[in-house]
Protein backbone atom coordinates (compact mmCIF):
# COMPACT_ATOMS: atom_id res chain seq x y z
CA MET A 1 -4.26 -3.33 -58.88
CA ALA A 2 -3.72 -0.24 -56.85
CA SER A 3 -3.61 -0.99 -53.16
CA ARG A 4 -6.71 0.66 -51.45
CA ARG A 5 -5.42 2.27 -47.83
CA SER A 6 -8.29 2.05 -45.44
CA VAL A 7 -9.08 5.46 -43.41
CA VAL A 8 -10.34 5.03 -39.43
CA THR A 9 -11.47 7.87 -38.46
CA LEU A 10 -11.70 7.97 -34.19
CA ASP A 11 -14.15 9.61 -32.24
CA SER A 12 -12.95 12.09 -29.59
CA SER A 13 -12.93 9.62 -26.86
CA GLU A 14 -10.94 7.43 -28.68
CA GLU A 15 -8.31 9.44 -29.72
CA ALA A 16 -7.92 10.15 -25.82
CA ASP A 17 -6.96 6.85 -25.77
CA ILE A 18 -3.76 7.07 -27.88
CA GLN A 19 -2.58 10.55 -26.02
CA PRO A 20 0.24 10.58 -23.60
CA SER A 21 -1.31 9.16 -20.00
CA LYS A 22 -1.27 11.31 -16.50
CA ASN A 23 1.15 9.99 -14.24
CA PRO A 24 -0.84 8.33 -11.04
CA ASN A 25 2.06 10.01 -8.94
CA GLY A 26 1.82 13.35 -10.35
CA GLY A 27 2.80 15.06 -13.84
CA THR A 28 2.48 13.74 -17.41
CA LEU A 29 4.15 10.56 -18.87
CA ARG A 30 6.42 10.84 -21.82
CA GLU A 31 5.48 9.48 -24.94
CA ASP A 32 6.39 6.01 -25.01
CA PRO A 33 5.24 3.43 -27.29
CA GLN A 34 5.14 0.67 -25.10
CA PHE A 35 2.82 2.10 -22.96
CA ILE A 36 -0.62 1.16 -23.21
CA ASN A 37 -2.92 4.14 -22.62
CA SER A 38 -6.36 2.41 -22.21
CA LEU A 39 -4.99 -0.13 -19.88
CA ALA A 40 -4.01 2.62 -17.53
CA LYS A 41 -7.56 4.06 -17.93
CA GLY A 42 -9.04 0.61 -16.92
CA LEU A 43 -7.03 0.48 -13.65
CA GLY A 44 -8.10 4.02 -13.19
CA VAL A 45 -11.85 3.38 -12.98
CA LEU A 46 -10.95 0.56 -10.66
CA LYS A 47 -9.02 3.07 -8.52
CA ALA A 48 -12.19 5.51 -8.54
CA PHE A 49 -13.87 3.02 -5.87
CA ASP A 50 -11.33 4.25 -3.11
CA GLY A 51 -12.74 2.22 -0.18
CA GLU A 52 -16.50 4.03 -0.03
CA TRP A 53 -19.11 1.03 -0.09
CA ASP A 54 -21.50 3.75 -1.84
CA ALA A 55 -21.99 2.79 -5.43
CA LEU A 56 -20.90 5.10 -8.23
CA GLY A 57 -22.74 6.34 -11.02
CA LEU A 58 -21.14 6.58 -14.85
CA ARG A 59 -20.45 10.18 -14.34
CA GLU A 60 -18.57 9.63 -10.91
CA ILE A 61 -16.32 7.28 -12.34
CA ALA A 62 -15.50 9.24 -15.32
CA VAL A 63 -14.61 12.54 -13.26
CA ARG A 64 -12.60 10.39 -10.40
CA SER A 65 -10.96 8.95 -13.18
CA GLY A 66 -10.33 11.74 -15.47
CA ILE A 67 -11.58 10.17 -18.07
CA SER A 68 -14.72 11.03 -21.09
CA MET A 69 -17.93 9.43 -20.47
CA GLY A 70 -17.95 7.34 -23.66
CA ALA A 71 -14.37 5.78 -22.21
CA ALA A 72 -15.96 4.96 -18.80
CA GLN A 73 -19.19 3.51 -20.60
CA ARG A 74 -16.94 1.15 -22.30
CA ILE A 75 -14.40 0.52 -19.74
CA THR A 76 -17.05 -0.41 -17.14
CA HIS A 77 -18.83 -2.36 -19.62
CA THR A 78 -15.67 -4.52 -19.91
CA LEU A 79 -14.94 -5.08 -16.59
CA VAL A 80 -18.79 -5.72 -15.58
CA HIS A 81 -18.44 -8.65 -18.09
CA LEU A 82 -15.10 -9.93 -16.84
CA GLY A 83 -16.42 -9.71 -13.17
CA TYR A 84 -13.94 -7.09 -11.79
CA LEU A 85 -17.45 -4.53 -11.39
CA ARG A 86 -20.87 -5.01 -10.36
CA LYS A 87 -23.97 -3.26 -12.29
CA ASP A 88 -27.23 -2.68 -10.38
CA GLU A 89 -29.60 -2.63 -13.54
CA ARG A 90 -32.11 -0.82 -11.72
CA THR A 91 -30.01 2.04 -10.47
CA ARG A 92 -27.28 1.79 -13.13
CA ARG A 93 -24.51 2.22 -10.61
CA TYR A 94 -21.31 -0.16 -10.04
CA ARG A 95 -19.29 -1.40 -7.44
CA LEU A 96 -16.26 -3.37 -7.17
CA GLY A 97 -16.83 -7.29 -7.70
CA ALA A 98 -15.50 -9.95 -5.57
CA ARG A 99 -13.24 -11.19 -8.43
CA MET A 100 -11.06 -8.35 -7.24
CA LEU A 101 -9.83 -10.12 -4.19
CA ASP A 102 -8.32 -12.60 -6.71
CA PHE A 103 -5.32 -10.11 -7.37
CA ALA A 104 -4.63 -9.90 -3.58
CA TYR A 105 -5.03 -13.62 -3.17
CA HIS A 106 -2.42 -13.99 -6.13
CA TYR A 107 -0.12 -11.50 -5.00
CA LEU A 108 0.35 -12.82 -1.51
CA HIS A 109 0.72 -16.31 -2.52
CA ALA A 110 3.23 -15.67 -4.87
CA SER A 111 5.57 -14.44 -2.66
CA PRO A 112 7.49 -16.49 -0.04
CA LEU A 113 6.97 -13.93 2.63
CA TYR A 114 3.67 -14.71 3.25
CA GLU A 115 4.03 -18.16 3.62
CA VAL A 116 7.00 -18.09 6.07
CA ALA A 117 6.04 -15.22 8.13
CA ILE A 118 2.56 -16.30 8.93
CA PRO A 119 3.60 -18.74 11.91
CA PHE A 120 6.17 -16.25 13.40
CA VAL A 121 3.85 -13.42 13.32
CA ALA A 122 1.22 -16.07 14.79
CA SER A 123 3.53 -16.58 17.92
CA ALA A 124 4.16 -13.18 18.12
CA ARG A 125 0.71 -12.22 18.35
CA ASP A 126 0.31 -15.15 20.66
CA GLU A 127 3.35 -13.65 23.13
CA CYS A 128 2.15 -10.31 23.03
CA ARG A 129 -1.67 -10.54 22.82
CA GLU A 130 -1.33 -7.61 20.61
CA THR A 131 -2.28 -6.89 17.02
CA VAL A 132 0.83 -8.15 14.65
CA ASN A 133 1.30 -6.92 11.15
CA VAL A 134 3.64 -7.38 8.30
CA ALA A 135 3.92 -4.16 5.78
CA GLU A 136 5.64 -3.71 2.50
CA LEU A 137 7.36 -0.23 1.18
CA ASP A 138 6.08 0.64 -1.67
CA GLY A 139 7.38 3.95 -2.92
CA PRO A 140 6.20 6.70 -0.40
CA GLU A 141 3.88 4.30 1.11
CA VAL A 142 3.43 1.39 3.23
CA VAL A 143 1.40 -1.48 2.25
CA ALA A 144 0.00 -4.08 5.19
CA VAL A 145 0.33 -7.70 3.78
CA ILE A 146 -0.34 -9.35 6.92
CA ARG A 147 -2.35 -8.33 9.88
CA MET A 148 -3.08 -11.05 12.65
CA PRO A 149 -5.14 -8.69 15.18
CA SER A 150 -5.92 -9.23 18.83
CA GLN A 151 -8.49 -10.25 20.54
CA ARG A 152 -9.02 -7.42 23.03
CA TYR A 153 -7.89 -4.74 20.76
CA MET A 154 -9.70 -4.46 17.08
CA ASN A 155 -9.07 -1.61 14.52
CA PRO A 156 -11.64 -2.30 11.99
CA THR A 157 -10.08 0.53 9.54
CA SER A 158 -6.93 -1.49 9.35
CA THR A 159 -6.91 -4.43 6.77
CA ILE A 160 -4.77 -5.82 4.27
CA GLY A 161 -4.06 -3.76 1.62
CA ARG A 162 -4.32 -1.02 3.24
CA ARG A 163 -1.89 2.11 2.52
CA LEU A 164 -0.31 4.37 4.63
CA PRO A 165 2.50 7.09 4.78
CA ALA A 166 6.14 5.47 4.79
CA PHE A 167 7.47 8.34 7.22
CA CYS A 168 4.92 8.70 10.04
CA THR A 169 4.65 4.80 10.35
CA ALA A 170 6.32 2.40 12.16
CA GLY A 171 6.64 -0.23 9.70
CA GLY A 172 7.48 2.29 6.91
CA ARG A 173 10.39 4.03 9.04
CA ALA A 174 11.83 0.75 10.15
CA GLN A 175 12.24 -0.04 6.36
CA LEU A 176 13.40 3.53 5.28
CA ALA A 177 15.83 3.17 7.73
CA TRP A 178 17.76 0.41 6.10
CA LEU A 179 17.54 2.12 2.86
CA PRO A 180 20.59 3.72 1.38
CA PRO A 181 20.47 8.07 1.93
CA GLU A 182 19.53 8.47 -1.92
CA GLU A 183 16.92 5.99 -1.89
CA VAL A 184 15.45 7.84 1.29
CA ALA A 185 15.97 11.21 -0.16
CA ASP A 186 14.38 10.06 -3.53
CA ILE A 187 11.36 8.81 -1.50
CA PHE A 188 10.82 11.70 0.36
CA ASP A 189 11.12 14.14 -2.47
CA ARG A 190 7.81 12.53 -3.37
CA THR A 191 6.22 12.42 0.12
CA ASP A 192 3.41 14.41 1.45
CA PHE A 193 4.80 15.24 4.56
CA GLN A 194 0.78 15.87 5.78
CA ALA A 195 -0.18 15.65 9.43
CA ARG A 196 -2.57 12.57 10.35
CA THR A 197 -2.66 13.38 14.12
CA PRO A 198 -1.66 16.60 16.12
CA ARG A 199 1.45 14.69 16.85
CA THR A 200 2.27 13.76 13.64
CA ILE A 201 6.24 14.77 12.80
CA ILE A 202 5.73 16.34 9.48
CA ASP A 203 9.38 18.14 9.52
CA ARG A 204 11.91 16.34 7.10
CA ALA A 205 14.71 16.83 9.02
CA GLU A 206 12.98 15.64 12.41
CA VAL A 207 11.94 12.54 10.19
CA GLU A 208 15.12 11.66 9.13
CA GLN A 209 16.44 11.98 12.43
CA ARG A 210 13.99 9.19 13.82
CA LEU A 211 15.28 6.57 10.84
CA ALA A 212 18.89 7.30 12.64
CA ALA A 213 17.26 6.34 15.88
CA ALA A 214 15.40 3.51 14.30
CA ARG A 215 18.71 2.01 12.63
CA ARG A 216 20.42 2.30 15.96
CA ASP A 217 17.88 0.89 18.06
CA GLY A 218 17.12 -1.71 15.53
CA PHE A 219 13.06 -0.69 15.50
CA ALA A 220 10.98 2.55 14.94
CA LEU A 221 8.27 3.58 17.35
CA VAL A 222 5.48 5.42 16.89
CA ASP A 223 3.31 7.22 19.50
CA GLU A 224 -0.11 8.41 18.01
CA GLU A 225 1.11 9.81 14.62
CA VAL A 226 -1.19 7.70 12.42
CA ASN A 227 -4.09 7.46 14.88
CA LEU A 228 -4.74 8.84 18.02
CA GLY A 229 -4.62 6.42 20.97
CA GLU A 230 -2.40 4.16 18.91
CA ILE A 231 1.25 3.29 19.63
CA ALA A 232 3.33 0.92 16.86
CA LEU A 233 6.47 -0.57 17.04
CA ALA A 234 8.25 -2.56 14.32
CA ALA A 235 11.63 -3.86 13.11
CA PRO A 236 12.73 -4.72 9.46
CA ILE A 237 13.02 -7.86 7.75
CA LEU A 238 16.05 -8.10 5.97
CA ASP A 239 17.59 -10.33 3.09
CA GLY A 240 21.29 -11.38 2.80
CA ASN A 241 22.37 -8.01 1.69
CA GLY A 242 20.58 -5.88 4.48
CA ARG A 243 18.20 -4.71 2.71
CA PRO A 244 14.54 -4.41 3.98
CA LEU A 245 12.24 -6.48 2.49
CA ALA A 246 9.25 -5.63 4.86
CA ALA A 247 8.72 -4.87 8.27
CA VAL A 248 6.72 -6.96 11.27
CA GLY A 249 5.24 -4.67 13.95
CA VAL A 250 2.82 -4.28 16.98
CA SER A 251 0.08 -1.72 17.45
CA THR A 252 -1.54 -1.56 20.51
CA SER A 253 -3.80 1.08 22.75
CA THR A 254 -2.35 3.79 24.92
CA ALA A 255 -5.10 2.66 27.19
CA ASP A 256 -2.87 -0.44 27.77
CA TRP A 257 1.02 0.69 27.04
CA THR A 258 2.70 3.64 27.46
CA ALA A 259 6.03 4.44 24.97
CA GLU A 260 8.31 2.81 27.67
CA SER A 261 6.26 0.07 28.26
CA VAL A 262 6.05 -1.17 24.65
CA ARG A 263 10.07 -0.28 24.25
CA GLU A 264 10.80 -2.51 26.92
CA ARG A 265 8.65 -5.44 26.59
CA LEU A 266 7.46 -5.52 22.96
CA ALA A 267 10.75 -4.66 21.04
CA PRO A 268 12.31 -7.61 22.12
CA VAL A 269 9.62 -9.81 20.78
CA VAL A 270 8.94 -7.69 17.24
CA MET A 271 12.85 -7.74 16.69
CA GLN A 272 13.23 -11.58 17.47
CA THR A 273 10.41 -12.17 15.16
CA ALA A 274 12.11 -9.81 12.25
CA ARG A 275 15.03 -11.88 12.94
CA LEU A 276 13.47 -14.92 12.56
CA ILE A 277 11.63 -14.54 9.41
CA SER A 278 15.00 -12.87 8.05
CA ARG A 279 16.43 -15.96 8.67
CA SER A 280 14.06 -18.04 7.12
CA LEU A 281 14.05 -16.05 4.13
CA ARG A 282 17.70 -15.94 3.57
CA GLY A 283 18.57 -15.98 -0.31
CA TRP A 284 15.25 -14.72 -1.38
CA LYS A 285 14.83 -11.57 -3.39
CA PRO A 286 11.90 -10.06 -4.60
CA PHE A 287 13.62 -9.94 -8.36
């Protein structure tokens, strides 16, 4: 008996799911049989909710994600059922669900960094009476993974998971300064040197000079380059090979501190905290 071969016809949105995907960092990904484009699209839908509290309609989600309406409808339907999106049946608009926080929880508690660093960060906060952060380098950006705010200076826009450019942040420079030059060059090749304030240093050569100074001093200091009215200082948390795992830093207000007083009084606390965390993590590597 002759075998039958079934013929499956794909609609345009389904055909798009098996085409090469766009690289989220720019450019087009080469065809890769291991790459699941539909998964990338699902994550793109979640990233469409970029911190604004306003709920999004299906068309807005499709436009922000760069996908078809059909794909957006199927993906949002799936994510609602899984709990990662919430849908208002009256307005037919979507918001992120609280289940999204599971990823942050599992990430933080799967890493020794969080558990080890917390007591040292708390001690530094109490000694400095200023906000203390721990940030990890992720390509051309830094991501806040621990934040212990000061009781007298609160910045509600800075929370765990917030991403900032590494080139102009204290935590970013503190880690870049301890990377090999070829890695720094690769990161800077992918960096958009865009000013966040009138005081942001955007000249690549000058930023590289600041990295050399941070390596020499043991810490990086940023004066109103990210936010006006804010000074930040950070020192690297290093593994046994001297490679940065993260950076611990202090951020404070220019109303209370100058760059000179931060260097004199806060830098020793931050560097000692970084050394204590580094020593406690000695022997641990992310991979």
